[in-house]
All heavy atoms as atom14 arrays in JSON, in Angstrom:
{
  "sequence": "ARDNARNTVYLAMKTLKPEDTAVYYCAARIGPELLLPDSTKPPTYDY",
  "atom14_mask": [
    [1, 1, 1, 1, 1, 0, 0, 0, 0, 0, 0, 0, 0, 0],
    [1, 1, 1, 1, 1, 1, 1, 1, 1, 1, 1, 0, 0, 0],
    [1, 1, 1, 1, 1, 1, 1, 1, 0, 0, 0, 0, 0, 0],
    [1, 1, 1, 1, 1, 1, 1, 1, 0, 0, 0, 0, 0, 0],
    [1, 1, 1, 1, 1, 0, 0, 0, 0, 0, 0, 0, 0, 0],
    [1, 1, 1, 1, 1, 1, 1, 1, 1, 1, 1, 0, 0, 0],
    [1, 1, 1, 1, 1, 1, 1, 1, 0, 0, 0, 0, 0, 0],
    [1, 1, 1, 1, 1, 1, 1, 0, 0, 0, 0, 0, 0, 0],
    [1, 1, 1, 1, 1, 1, 1, 0, 0, 0, 0, 0, 0, 0],
    [1, 1, 1, 1, 1, 1, 1, 1, 1, 1, 1, 1, 0, 0],
    [1, 1, 1, 1, 1, 1, 1, 1, 0, 0, 0, 0, 0, 0],
    [1, 1, 1, 1, 1, 0, 0, 0, 0, 0, 0, 0, 0, 0],
    [1, 1, 1, 1, 1, 1, 1, 1, 0, 0, 0, 0, 0, 0],
    [1, 1, 1, 1, 1, 1, 1, 1, 1, 0, 0, 0, 0, 0],
    [1, 1, 1, 1, 1, 1, 1, 0, 0, 0, 0, 0, 0, 0],
    [1, 1, 1, 1, 1, 1, 1, 1, 0, 0, 0, 0, 0, 0],
    [1, 1, 1, 1, 1, 1, 1, 1, 1, 0, 0, 0, 0, 0],
    [1, 1, 1, 1, 1, 1, 1, 0, 0, 0, 0, 0, 0, 0],
    [1, 1, 1, 1, 1, 1, 1, 1, 1, 0, 0, 0, 0, 0],
    [1, 1, 1, 1, 1, 1, 1, 1, 0, 0, 0, 0, 0, 0],
    [1, 1, 1, 1, 1, 1, 1, 0, 0, 0, 0, 0, 0, 0],
    [1, 1, 1, 1, 1, 0, 0, 0, 0, 0, 0, 0, 0, 0],
    [1, 1, 1, 1, 1, 1, 1, 0, 0, 0, 0, 0, 0, 0],
    [1, 1, 1, 1, 1, 1, 1, 1, 1, 1, 1, 1, 0, 0],
    [1, 1, 1, 1, 1, 1, 1, 1, 1, 1, 1, 1, 0, 0],
    [1, 1, 1, 1, 1, 1, 0, 0, 0, 0, 0, 0, 0, 0],
    [1, 1, 1, 1, 1, 0, 0, 0, 0, 0, 0, 0, 0, 0],
    [1, 1, 1, 1, 1, 0, 0, 0, 0, 0, 0, 0, 0, 0],
    [1, 1, 1, 1, 1, 1, 1, 1, 1, 1, 1, 0, 0, 0],
    [1, 1, 1, 1, 1, 1, 1, 1, 0, 0, 0, 0, 0, 0],
    [1, 1, 1, 1, 0, 0, 0, 0, 0, 0, 0, 0, 0, 0],
    [1, 1, 1, 1, 1, 1, 1, 0, 0, 0, 0, 0, 0, 0],
    [1, 1, 1, 1, 1, 1, 1, 1, 1, 0, 0, 0, 0, 0],
    [1, 1, 1, 1, 1, 1, 1, 1, 0, 0, 0, 0, 0, 0],
    [1, 1, 1, 1, 1, 1, 1, 1, 0, 0, 0, 0, 0, 0],
    [1, 1, 1, 1, 1, 1, 1, 1, 0, 0, 0, 0, 0, 0],
    [1, 1, 1, 1, 1, 1, 1, 0, 0, 0, 0, 0, 0, 0],
    [1, 1, 1, 1, 1, 1, 1, 1, 0, 0, 0, 0, 0, 0],
    [1, 1, 1, 1, 1, 1, 0, 0, 0, 0, 0, 0, 0, 0],
    [1, 1, 1, 1, 1, 1, 1, 0, 0, 0, 0, 0, 0, 0],
    [1, 1, 1, 1, 1, 1, 1, 1, 1, 0, 0, 0, 0, 0],
    [1, 1, 1, 1, 1, 1, 1, 0, 0, 0, 0, 0, 0, 0],
    [1, 1, 1, 1, 1, 1, 1, 0, 0, 0, 0, 0, 0, 0],
    [1, 1, 1, 1, 1, 1, 1, 0, 0, 0, 0, 0, 0, 0],
    [1, 1, 1, 1, 1, 1, 1, 1, 1, 1, 1, 1, 0, 0],
    [1, 1, 1, 1, 1, 1, 1, 1, 0, 0, 0, 0, 0, 0],
    [1, 1, 1, 1, 1, 1, 1, 1, 1, 1, 1, 1, 0, 0]
  ],
  "atom14_positions": [
    [[78.62, 64.83, -125.88], [78.58, 63.58, -126.63], [79.48, 63.72, -127.85], [79.86, 64.83, -128.22], [77.16, 63.25, -127.05], [0.0, 0.0, 0.0], [0.0, 0.0, 0.0], [0.0, 0.0, 0.0], [0.0, 0.0, 0.0], [0.0, 0.0, 0.0], [0.0, 0.0, 0.0], [0.0, 0.0, 0.0], [0.0, 0.0, 0.0], [0.0, 0.0, 0.0]],
    [[79.8, 62.6, -128.45], [80.64, 62.64, -129.65], [80.13, 61.63, -130.68], [79.57, 60.6, -130.32], [82.1, 62.37, -129.3], [82.41, 61.0, -128.76], [83.81, 60.94, -128.17], [84.85, 61.06, -129.19], [86.13, 61.33, -128.93], [86.53, 61.54, -127.69], [87.02, 61.39, -129.9], [0.0, 0.0, 0.0], [0.0, 0.0, 0.0], [0.0, 0.0, 0.0]],
    [[80.38, 61.96, -131.93], [80.08, 61.07, -133.05], [81.4, 60.82, -133.75], [81.86, 61.66, -134.54], [79.05, 61.72, -133.98], [78.64, 60.82, -135.12], [79.38, 59.85, -135.41], [77.6, 61.08, -135.74], [0.0, 0.0, 0.0], [0.0, 0.0, 0.0], [0.0, 0.0, 0.0], [0.0, 0.0, 0.0], [0.0, 0.0, 0.0], [0.0, 0.0, 0.0]],
    [[82.01, 59.71, -133.47], [83.35, 59.45, -134.01], [83.33, 59.26, -135.53], [84.34, 59.5, -136.2], [83.97, 58.24, -133.33], [84.41, 58.56, -131.91], [84.59, 59.72, -131.55], [84.57, 57.53, -131.1], [0.0, 0.0, 0.0], [0.0, 0.0, 0.0], [0.0, 0.0, 0.0], [0.0, 0.0, 0.0], [0.0, 0.0, 0.0], [0.0, 0.0, 0.0]],
    [[82.21, 58.86, -136.07], [82.11, 58.71, -137.53], [82.16, 60.06, -138.23], [82.53, 60.14, -139.41], [80.84, 57.98, -137.9], [0.0, 0.0, 0.0], [0.0, 0.0, 0.0], [0.0, 0.0, 0.0], [0.0, 0.0, 0.0], [0.0, 0.0, 0.0], [0.0, 0.0, 0.0], [0.0, 0.0, 0.0], [0.0, 0.0, 0.0], [0.0, 0.0, 0.0]],
    [[81.79, 61.1, -137.52], [81.77, 62.45, -138.08], [82.85, 63.36, -137.49], [82.86, 64.56, -137.75], [80.4, 63.09, -137.87], [79.28, 62.46, -138.68], [77.94, 63.16, -138.42], [76.92, 62.77, -139.38], [76.21, 61.67, -139.31], [76.4, 60.82, -138.29], [75.3, 61.39, -140.22], [0.0, 0.0, 0.0], [0.0, 0.0, 0.0], [0.0, 0.0, 0.0]],
    [[83.73, 62.79, -136.67], [84.78, 63.59, -136.03], [84.19, 64.82, -135.33], [84.75, 65.92, -135.39], [85.83, 64.06, -137.04], [86.77, 62.95, -137.46], [86.54, 61.78, -137.18], [87.85, 63.31, -138.13], [0.0, 0.0, 0.0], [0.0, 0.0, 0.0], [0.0, 0.0, 0.0], [0.0, 0.0, 0.0], [0.0, 0.0, 0.0], [0.0, 0.0, 0.0]],
    [[83.09, 64.63, -134.65], [82.36, 65.75, -134.09], [82.03, 65.51, -132.62], [81.68, 64.39, -132.23], [81.07, 66.0, -134.88], [81.38, 66.23, -136.25], [80.32, 67.21, -134.34], [0.0, 0.0, 0.0], [0.0, 0.0, 0.0], [0.0, 0.0, 0.0], [0.0, 0.0, 0.0], [0.0, 0.0, 0.0], [0.0, 0.0, 0.0], [0.0, 0.0, 0.0]],
    [[82.14, 66.56, -131.87], [81.74, 66.56, -130.46], [80.63, 67.58, -130.29], [80.66, 68.66, -130.92], [82.93, 66.91, -129.54], [82.49, 66.93, -128.09], [84.05, 65.93, -129.74], [0.0, 0.0, 0.0], [0.0, 0.0, 0.0], [0.0, 0.0, 0.0], [0.0, 0.0, 0.0], [0.0, 0.0, 0.0], [0.0, 0.0, 0.0], [0.0, 0.0, 0.0]],
    [[79.67, 67.26, -129.45], [78.53, 68.14, -129.22], [78.45, 68.53, -127.75], [78.85, 67.78, -126.86], [77.24, 67.42, -129.6], [77.2, 66.93, -131.02], [77.48, 65.6, -131.33], [76.89, 67.79, -132.07], [77.44, 65.13, -132.63], [76.86, 67.33, -133.38], [77.13, 66.01, -133.65], [77.11, 65.55, -134.95], [0.0, 0.0, 0.0], [0.0, 0.0, 0.0]],
    [[77.9, 69.71, -127.53], [77.55, 70.12, -126.18], [76.11, 70.61, -126.23], [75.84, 71.69, -126.77], [78.47, 71.23, -125.67], [78.22, 71.68, -124.23], [78.57, 70.55, -123.26], [79.01, 72.93, -123.89], [0.0, 0.0, 0.0], [0.0, 0.0, 0.0], [0.0, 0.0, 0.0], [0.0, 0.0, 0.0], [0.0, 0.0, 0.0], [0.0, 0.0, 0.0]],
    [[75.2, 69.8, -125.72], [73.8, 70.16, -125.67], [73.54, 70.89, -124.36], [73.8, 70.33, -123.28], [72.92, 68.92, -125.78], [0.0, 0.0, 0.0], [0.0, 0.0, 0.0], [0.0, 0.0, 0.0], [0.0, 0.0, 0.0], [0.0, 0.0, 0.0], [0.0, 0.0, 0.0], [0.0, 0.0, 0.0], [0.0, 0.0, 0.0], [0.0, 0.0, 0.0]],
    [[73.04, 72.09, -124.47], [72.83, 72.93, -123.28], [71.34, 73.23, -123.16], [70.73, 73.72, -124.1], [73.62, 74.23, -123.42], [75.09, 74.03, -123.75], [76.02, 75.57, -123.83], [75.28, 76.3, -125.3], [0.0, 0.0, 0.0], [0.0, 0.0, 0.0], [0.0, 0.0, 0.0], [0.0, 0.0, 0.0], [0.0, 0.0, 0.0], [0.0, 0.0, 0.0]],
    [[70.79, 72.93, -122.0], [69.38, 73.24, -121.77], [69.26, 74.05, -120.49], [70.2, 74.15, -119.7], [68.55, 71.97, -121.69], [68.88, 71.06, -120.52], [67.98, 69.84, -120.54], [68.26, 68.95, -119.34], [67.37, 67.74, -119.32], [0.0, 0.0, 0.0], [0.0, 0.0, 0.0], [0.0, 0.0, 0.0], [0.0, 0.0, 0.0], [0.0, 0.0, 0.0]],
    [[68.06, 74.61, -120.31], [67.81, 75.45, -119.14], [68.93, 76.47, -118.96], [69.52, 76.62, -117.88], [67.65, 74.6, -117.87], [66.91, 73.42, -118.15], [66.89, 75.4, -116.8], [0.0, 0.0, 0.0], [0.0, 0.0, 0.0], [0.0, 0.0, 0.0], [0.0, 0.0, 0.0], [0.0, 0.0, 0.0], [0.0, 0.0, 0.0], [0.0, 0.0, 0.0]],
    [[69.24, 77.17, -120.04], [70.34, 78.13, -120.0], [70.06, 79.25, -119.02], [68.9, 79.66, -118.82], [70.58, 78.7, -121.4], [71.31, 77.76, -122.36], [71.16, 78.24, -123.79], [72.78, 77.64, -121.99], [0.0, 0.0, 0.0], [0.0, 0.0, 0.0], [0.0, 0.0, 0.0], [0.0, 0.0, 0.0], [0.0, 0.0, 0.0], [0.0, 0.0, 0.0]],
    [[71.14, 79.74, -118.42], [71.08, 80.83, -117.46], [71.96, 81.98, -117.94], [72.92, 81.75, -118.69], [71.58, 80.35, -116.1], [70.86, 79.14, -115.54], [71.51, 78.68, -114.25], [70.8, 77.46, -113.68], [71.43, 77.0, -112.41], [0.0, 0.0, 0.0], [0.0, 0.0, 0.0], [0.0, 0.0, 0.0], [0.0, 0.0, 0.0], [0.0, 0.0, 0.0]],
    [[71.68, 83.19, -117.51], [72.55, 84.31, -117.9], [74.02, 84.06, -117.54], [74.91, 84.49, -118.28], [71.97, 85.49, -117.12], [70.52, 85.16, -117.0], [70.48, 83.67, -116.8], [0.0, 0.0, 0.0], [0.0, 0.0, 0.0], [0.0, 0.0, 0.0], [0.0, 0.0, 0.0], [0.0, 0.0, 0.0], [0.0, 0.0, 0.0], [0.0, 0.0, 0.0]],
    [[74.26, 83.37, -116.47], [75.66, 83.1, -116.08], [76.35, 82.08, -116.98], [77.54, 81.84, -116.84], [75.72, 82.63, -114.62], [74.79, 81.51, -114.26], [73.5, 82.01, -113.63], [72.92, 83.0, -114.14], [73.06, 81.39, -112.64], [0.0, 0.0, 0.0], [0.0, 0.0, 0.0], [0.0, 0.0, 0.0], [0.0, 0.0, 0.0], [0.0, 0.0, 0.0]],
    [[75.62, 81.5, -117.92], [76.24, 80.64, -118.93], [76.83, 81.44, -120.07], [77.49, 80.88, -120.96], [75.23, 79.65, -119.49], [74.73, 78.65, -118.46], [75.56, 78.18, -117.65], [73.53, 78.34, -118.47], [0.0, 0.0, 0.0], [0.0, 0.0, 0.0], [0.0, 0.0, 0.0], [0.0, 0.0, 0.0], [0.0, 0.0, 0.0], [0.0, 0.0, 0.0]],
    [[76.59, 82.74, -120.08], [77.13, 83.6, -121.14], [78.65, 83.56, -121.13], [79.28, 83.82, -120.11], [76.64, 85.04, -120.95], [75.22, 85.08, -121.11], [77.29, 85.97, -121.95], [0.0, 0.0, 0.0], [0.0, 0.0, 0.0], [0.0, 0.0, 0.0], [0.0, 0.0, 0.0], [0.0, 0.0, 0.0], [0.0, 0.0, 0.0], [0.0, 0.0, 0.0]],
    [[79.23, 83.22, -122.28], [80.68, 83.09, -122.39], [81.03, 82.72, -123.82], [80.14, 82.38, -124.62], [81.19, 82.01, -121.43], [0.0, 0.0, 0.0], [0.0, 0.0, 0.0], [0.0, 0.0, 0.0], [0.0, 0.0, 0.0], [0.0, 0.0, 0.0], [0.0, 0.0, 0.0], [0.0, 0.0, 0.0], [0.0, 0.0, 0.0], [0.0, 0.0, 0.0]],
    [[82.3, 82.76, -124.11], [82.81, 82.13, -125.32], [83.12, 80.68, -124.97], [83.83, 80.41, -124.0], [84.07, 82.83, -125.85], [84.6, 82.1, -127.08], [83.78, 84.29, -126.18], [0.0, 0.0, 0.0], [0.0, 0.0, 0.0], [0.0, 0.0, 0.0], [0.0, 0.0, 0.0], [0.0, 0.0, 0.0], [0.0, 0.0, 0.0], [0.0, 0.0, 0.0]],
    [[82.59, 79.77, -125.75], [82.77, 78.35, -125.5], [83.82, 77.8, -126.46], [83.75, 78.02, -127.67], [81.45, 77.61, -125.68], [80.52, 77.8, -124.5], [79.91, 79.02, -124.28], [80.28, 76.77, -123.61], [79.07, 79.21, -123.18], [79.45, 76.94, -122.52], [78.85, 78.17, -122.3], [78.03, 78.35, -121.21], [0.0, 0.0, 0.0], [0.0, 0.0, 0.0]],
    [[84.76, 77.08, -125.88], [85.88, 76.52, -126.63], [85.87, 74.99, -126.56], [85.65, 74.41, -125.5], [87.21, 77.01, -126.06], [87.43, 78.5, -126.16], [87.06, 79.34, -125.11], [88.02, 79.06, -127.28], [87.26, 80.72, -125.18], [88.23, 80.43, -127.37], [87.84, 81.24, -126.32], [88.05, 82.59, -126.4], [0.0, 0.0, 0.0], [0.0, 0.0, 0.0]],
    [[86.18, 74.41, -127.69], [86.43, 72.98, -127.77], [87.93, 72.77, -127.66], [88.72, 73.54, -128.23], [85.9, 72.48, -129.1], [86.14, 70.75, -129.46], [0.0, 0.0, 0.0], [0.0, 0.0, 0.0], [0.0, 0.0, 0.0], [0.0, 0.0, 0.0], [0.0, 0.0, 0.0], [0.0, 0.0, 0.0], [0.0, 0.0, 0.0], [0.0, 0.0, 0.0]],
    [[88.34, 71.76, -126.92], [89.75, 71.47, -126.73], [89.99, 69.98, -126.89], [89.11, 69.17, -126.58], [90.21, 71.93, -125.35], [0.0, 0.0, 0.0], [0.0, 0.0, 0.0], [0.0, 0.0, 0.0], [0.0, 0.0, 0.0], [0.0, 0.0, 0.0], [0.0, 0.0, 0.0], [0.0, 0.0, 0.0], [0.0, 0.0, 0.0], [0.0, 0.0, 0.0]],
    [[91.17, 69.63, -127.34], [91.49, 68.22, -127.56], [92.93, 67.93, -127.16], [93.79, 68.81, -127.18], [91.29, 67.86, -129.03], [0.0, 0.0, 0.0], [0.0, 0.0, 0.0], [0.0, 0.0, 0.0], [0.0, 0.0, 0.0], [0.0, 0.0, 0.0], [0.0, 0.0, 0.0], [0.0, 0.0, 0.0], [0.0, 0.0, 0.0], [0.0, 0.0, 0.0]],
    [[93.14, 66.69, -126.8], [94.5, 66.22, -126.53], [94.63, 64.8, -127.06], [93.63, 64.06, -127.13], [94.82, 66.25, -125.04], [93.98, 65.3, -124.21], [94.49, 65.2, -122.79], [93.73, 64.23, -122.03], [93.97, 62.91, -122.04], [94.95, 62.41, -122.77], [93.23, 62.1, -121.31], [0.0, 0.0, 0.0], [0.0, 0.0, 0.0], [0.0, 0.0, 0.0]],
    [[95.84, 64.45, -127.41], [96.11, 63.09, -127.86], [96.13, 62.18, -126.64], [96.85, 62.44, -125.68], [97.44, 63.01, -128.61], [97.48, 64.0, -129.77], [97.67, 61.58, -129.11], [96.41, 63.81, -130.81], [0.0, 0.0, 0.0], [0.0, 0.0, 0.0], [0.0, 0.0, 0.0], [0.0, 0.0, 0.0], [0.0, 0.0, 0.0], [0.0, 0.0, 0.0]],
    [[95.34, 61.13, -126.71], [95.22, 60.23, -125.57], [93.76, 59.98, -125.35], [92.97, 60.93, -125.26], [0.0, 0.0, 0.0], [0.0, 0.0, 0.0], [0.0, 0.0, 0.0], [0.0, 0.0, 0.0], [0.0, 0.0, 0.0], [0.0, 0.0, 0.0], [0.0, 0.0, 0.0], [0.0, 0.0, 0.0], [0.0, 0.0, 0.0], [0.0, 0.0, 0.0]],
    [[93.33, 58.75, -125.33], [91.91, 58.45, -125.43], [91.09, 58.59, -124.15], [89.86, 58.67, -124.22], [91.9, 56.99, -125.9], [93.16, 56.41, -125.33], [94.16, 57.52, -125.35], [0.0, 0.0, 0.0], [0.0, 0.0, 0.0], [0.0, 0.0, 0.0], [0.0, 0.0, 0.0], [0.0, 0.0, 0.0], [0.0, 0.0, 0.0], [0.0, 0.0, 0.0]],
    [[91.74, 58.58, -123.01], [90.97, 58.47, -121.77], [90.89, 59.79, -121.01], [91.69, 60.7, -121.19], [91.6, 57.41, -120.87], [91.62, 56.01, -121.46], [90.23, 55.47, -121.79], [89.23, 55.95, -121.22], [90.15, 54.55, -122.62], [0.0, 0.0, 0.0], [0.0, 0.0, 0.0], [0.0, 0.0, 0.0], [0.0, 0.0, 0.0], [0.0, 0.0, 0.0]],
    [[89.87, 59.86, -120.14], [89.8, 60.95, -119.18], [90.85, 60.73, -118.11], [91.03, 59.61, -117.63], [88.42, 60.98, -118.52], [87.23, 61.51, -119.32], [85.98, 61.46, -118.47], [87.5, 62.91, -119.81], [0.0, 0.0, 0.0], [0.0, 0.0, 0.0], [0.0, 0.0, 0.0], [0.0, 0.0, 0.0], [0.0, 0.0, 0.0], [0.0, 0.0, 0.0]],
    [[91.52, 61.79, -117.75], [92.49, 61.74, -116.67], [92.1, 62.83, -115.69], [92.36, 64.01, -115.91], [93.91, 61.98, -117.21], [94.41, 61.01, -118.29], [95.76, 61.47, -118.83], [94.52, 59.6, -117.72], [0.0, 0.0, 0.0], [0.0, 0.0, 0.0], [0.0, 0.0, 0.0], [0.0, 0.0, 0.0], [0.0, 0.0, 0.0], [0.0, 0.0, 0.0]],
    [[91.46, 62.4, -114.61], [90.99, 63.38, -113.64], [92.0, 63.52, -112.5], [92.54, 62.52, -112.05], [89.62, 62.95, -113.11], [88.52, 62.94, -114.18], [87.25, 62.32, -113.62], [88.26, 64.34, -114.69], [0.0, 0.0, 0.0], [0.0, 0.0, 0.0], [0.0, 0.0, 0.0], [0.0, 0.0, 0.0], [0.0, 0.0, 0.0], [0.0, 0.0, 0.0]],
    [[92.23, 64.73, -112.04], [91.57, 65.99, -112.41], [92.17, 66.72, -113.61], [91.68, 67.77, -114.02], [91.77, 66.84, -111.16], [93.1, 66.42, -110.64], [93.17, 64.93, -110.91], [0.0, 0.0, 0.0], [0.0, 0.0, 0.0], [0.0, 0.0, 0.0], [0.0, 0.0, 0.0], [0.0, 0.0, 0.0], [0.0, 0.0, 0.0], [0.0, 0.0, 0.0]],
    [[93.24, 66.16, -114.21], [93.93, 66.89, -115.27], [93.02, 67.26, -116.42], [93.21, 68.29, -117.07], [95.11, 66.07, -115.78], [96.24, 66.02, -114.77], [96.18, 66.78, -113.77], [97.17, 65.23, -114.97], [0.0, 0.0, 0.0], [0.0, 0.0, 0.0], [0.0, 0.0, 0.0], [0.0, 0.0, 0.0], [0.0, 0.0, 0.0], [0.0, 0.0, 0.0]],
    [[92.03, 66.41, -116.72], [91.15, 66.69, -117.86], [90.27, 67.91, -117.66], [89.61, 68.34, -118.59], [90.27, 65.47, -118.14], [91.04, 64.41, -118.67], [0.0, 0.0, 0.0], [0.0, 0.0, 0.0], [0.0, 0.0, 0.0], [0.0, 0.0, 0.0], [0.0, 0.0, 0.0], [0.0, 0.0, 0.0], [0.0, 0.0, 0.0], [0.0, 0.0, 0.0]],
    [[90.28, 68.48, -116.48], [89.51, 69.7, -116.22], [90.37, 70.96, -116.33], [89.87, 72.06, -116.1], [88.88, 69.66, -114.82], [89.92, 69.73, -113.84], [88.07, 68.39, -114.61], [0.0, 0.0, 0.0], [0.0, 0.0, 0.0], [0.0, 0.0, 0.0], [0.0, 0.0, 0.0], [0.0, 0.0, 0.0], [0.0, 0.0, 0.0], [0.0, 0.0, 0.0]],
    [[91.63, 70.81, -116.67], [92.57, 71.93, -116.65], [93.01, 72.3, -118.06], [93.45, 71.43, -118.82], [93.78, 71.57, -115.81], [93.42, 71.21, -114.37], [94.62, 70.73, -113.59], [94.21, 70.35, -112.16], [95.38, 69.85, -111.38], [0.0, 0.0, 0.0], [0.0, 0.0, 0.0], [0.0, 0.0, 0.0], [0.0, 0.0, 0.0], [0.0, 0.0, 0.0]],
    [[92.93, 73.58, -118.44], [93.3, 73.99, -119.8], [94.7, 73.55, -120.26], [94.84, 73.13, -121.42], [93.18, 75.51, -119.75], [92.13, 75.76, -118.71], [92.35, 74.69, -117.68], [0.0, 0.0, 0.0], [0.0, 0.0, 0.0], [0.0, 0.0, 0.0], [0.0, 0.0, 0.0], [0.0, 0.0, 0.0], [0.0, 0.0, 0.0], [0.0, 0.0, 0.0]],
    [[95.73, 73.61, -119.42], [97.06, 73.21, -119.93], [97.15, 71.74, -120.36], [98.1, 71.37, -121.04], [97.97, 73.47, -118.73], [97.28, 74.51, -117.94], [95.83, 74.17, -118.06], [0.0, 0.0, 0.0], [0.0, 0.0, 0.0], [0.0, 0.0, 0.0], [0.0, 0.0, 0.0], [0.0, 0.0, 0.0], [0.0, 0.0, 0.0], [0.0, 0.0, 0.0]],
    [[96.18, 70.93, -119.99], [96.19, 69.53, -120.39], [95.98, 69.38, -121.89], [96.38, 68.38, -122.48], [95.1, 68.76, -119.63], [95.39, 68.81, -118.23], [94.98, 67.31, -120.07], [0.0, 0.0, 0.0], [0.0, 0.0, 0.0], [0.0, 0.0, 0.0], [0.0, 0.0, 0.0], [0.0, 0.0, 0.0], [0.0, 0.0, 0.0], [0.0, 0.0, 0.0]],
    [[95.36, 70.36, -122.51], [94.95, 70.26, -123.9], [95.91, 71.01, -124.82], [96.31, 72.14, -124.55], [93.51, 70.79, -124.05], [92.57, 69.93, -123.26], [92.29, 70.22, -121.93], [91.98, 68.79, -123.82], [91.46, 69.4, -121.17], [91.15, 67.97, -123.08], [90.9, 68.29, -121.75], [90.09, 67.48, -121.01], [0.0, 0.0, 0.0], [0.0, 0.0, 0.0]],
    [[96.23, 70.36, -125.92], [97.18, 70.91, -126.88], [96.51, 71.64, -128.02], [97.17, 72.43, -128.71], [98.03, 69.77, -127.46], [98.84, 69.06, -126.39], [99.49, 69.76, -125.59], [98.81, 67.82, -126.34], [0.0, 0.0, 0.0], [0.0, 0.0, 0.0], [0.0, 0.0, 0.0], [0.0, 0.0, 0.0], [0.0, 0.0, 0.0], [0.0, 0.0, 0.0]],
    [[95.25, 71.37, -128.26], [94.57, 71.92, -129.43], [93.26, 72.59, -128.99], [92.51, 72.04, -128.18], [94.28, 70.8, -130.43], [95.51, 70.0, -130.78], [95.73, 68.75, -130.21], [96.45, 70.53, -131.65], [96.88, 68.04, -130.51], [97.6, 69.81, -131.96], [97.8, 68.57, -131.38], [98.94, 67.87, -131.68], [0.0, 0.0, 0.0], [0.0, 0.0, 0.0]]
  ]
}
């Protein structure tokens, strides 16, 4: 979810599993819409 008034994006995670262990990264790109499948690929994001 996101709160545009606070320039913040959230990831609420429940029922965590050991396989969720990782470093979690936030990524952004200029352009307002989801573009599938590109939005699932790291090179799509500039920041």
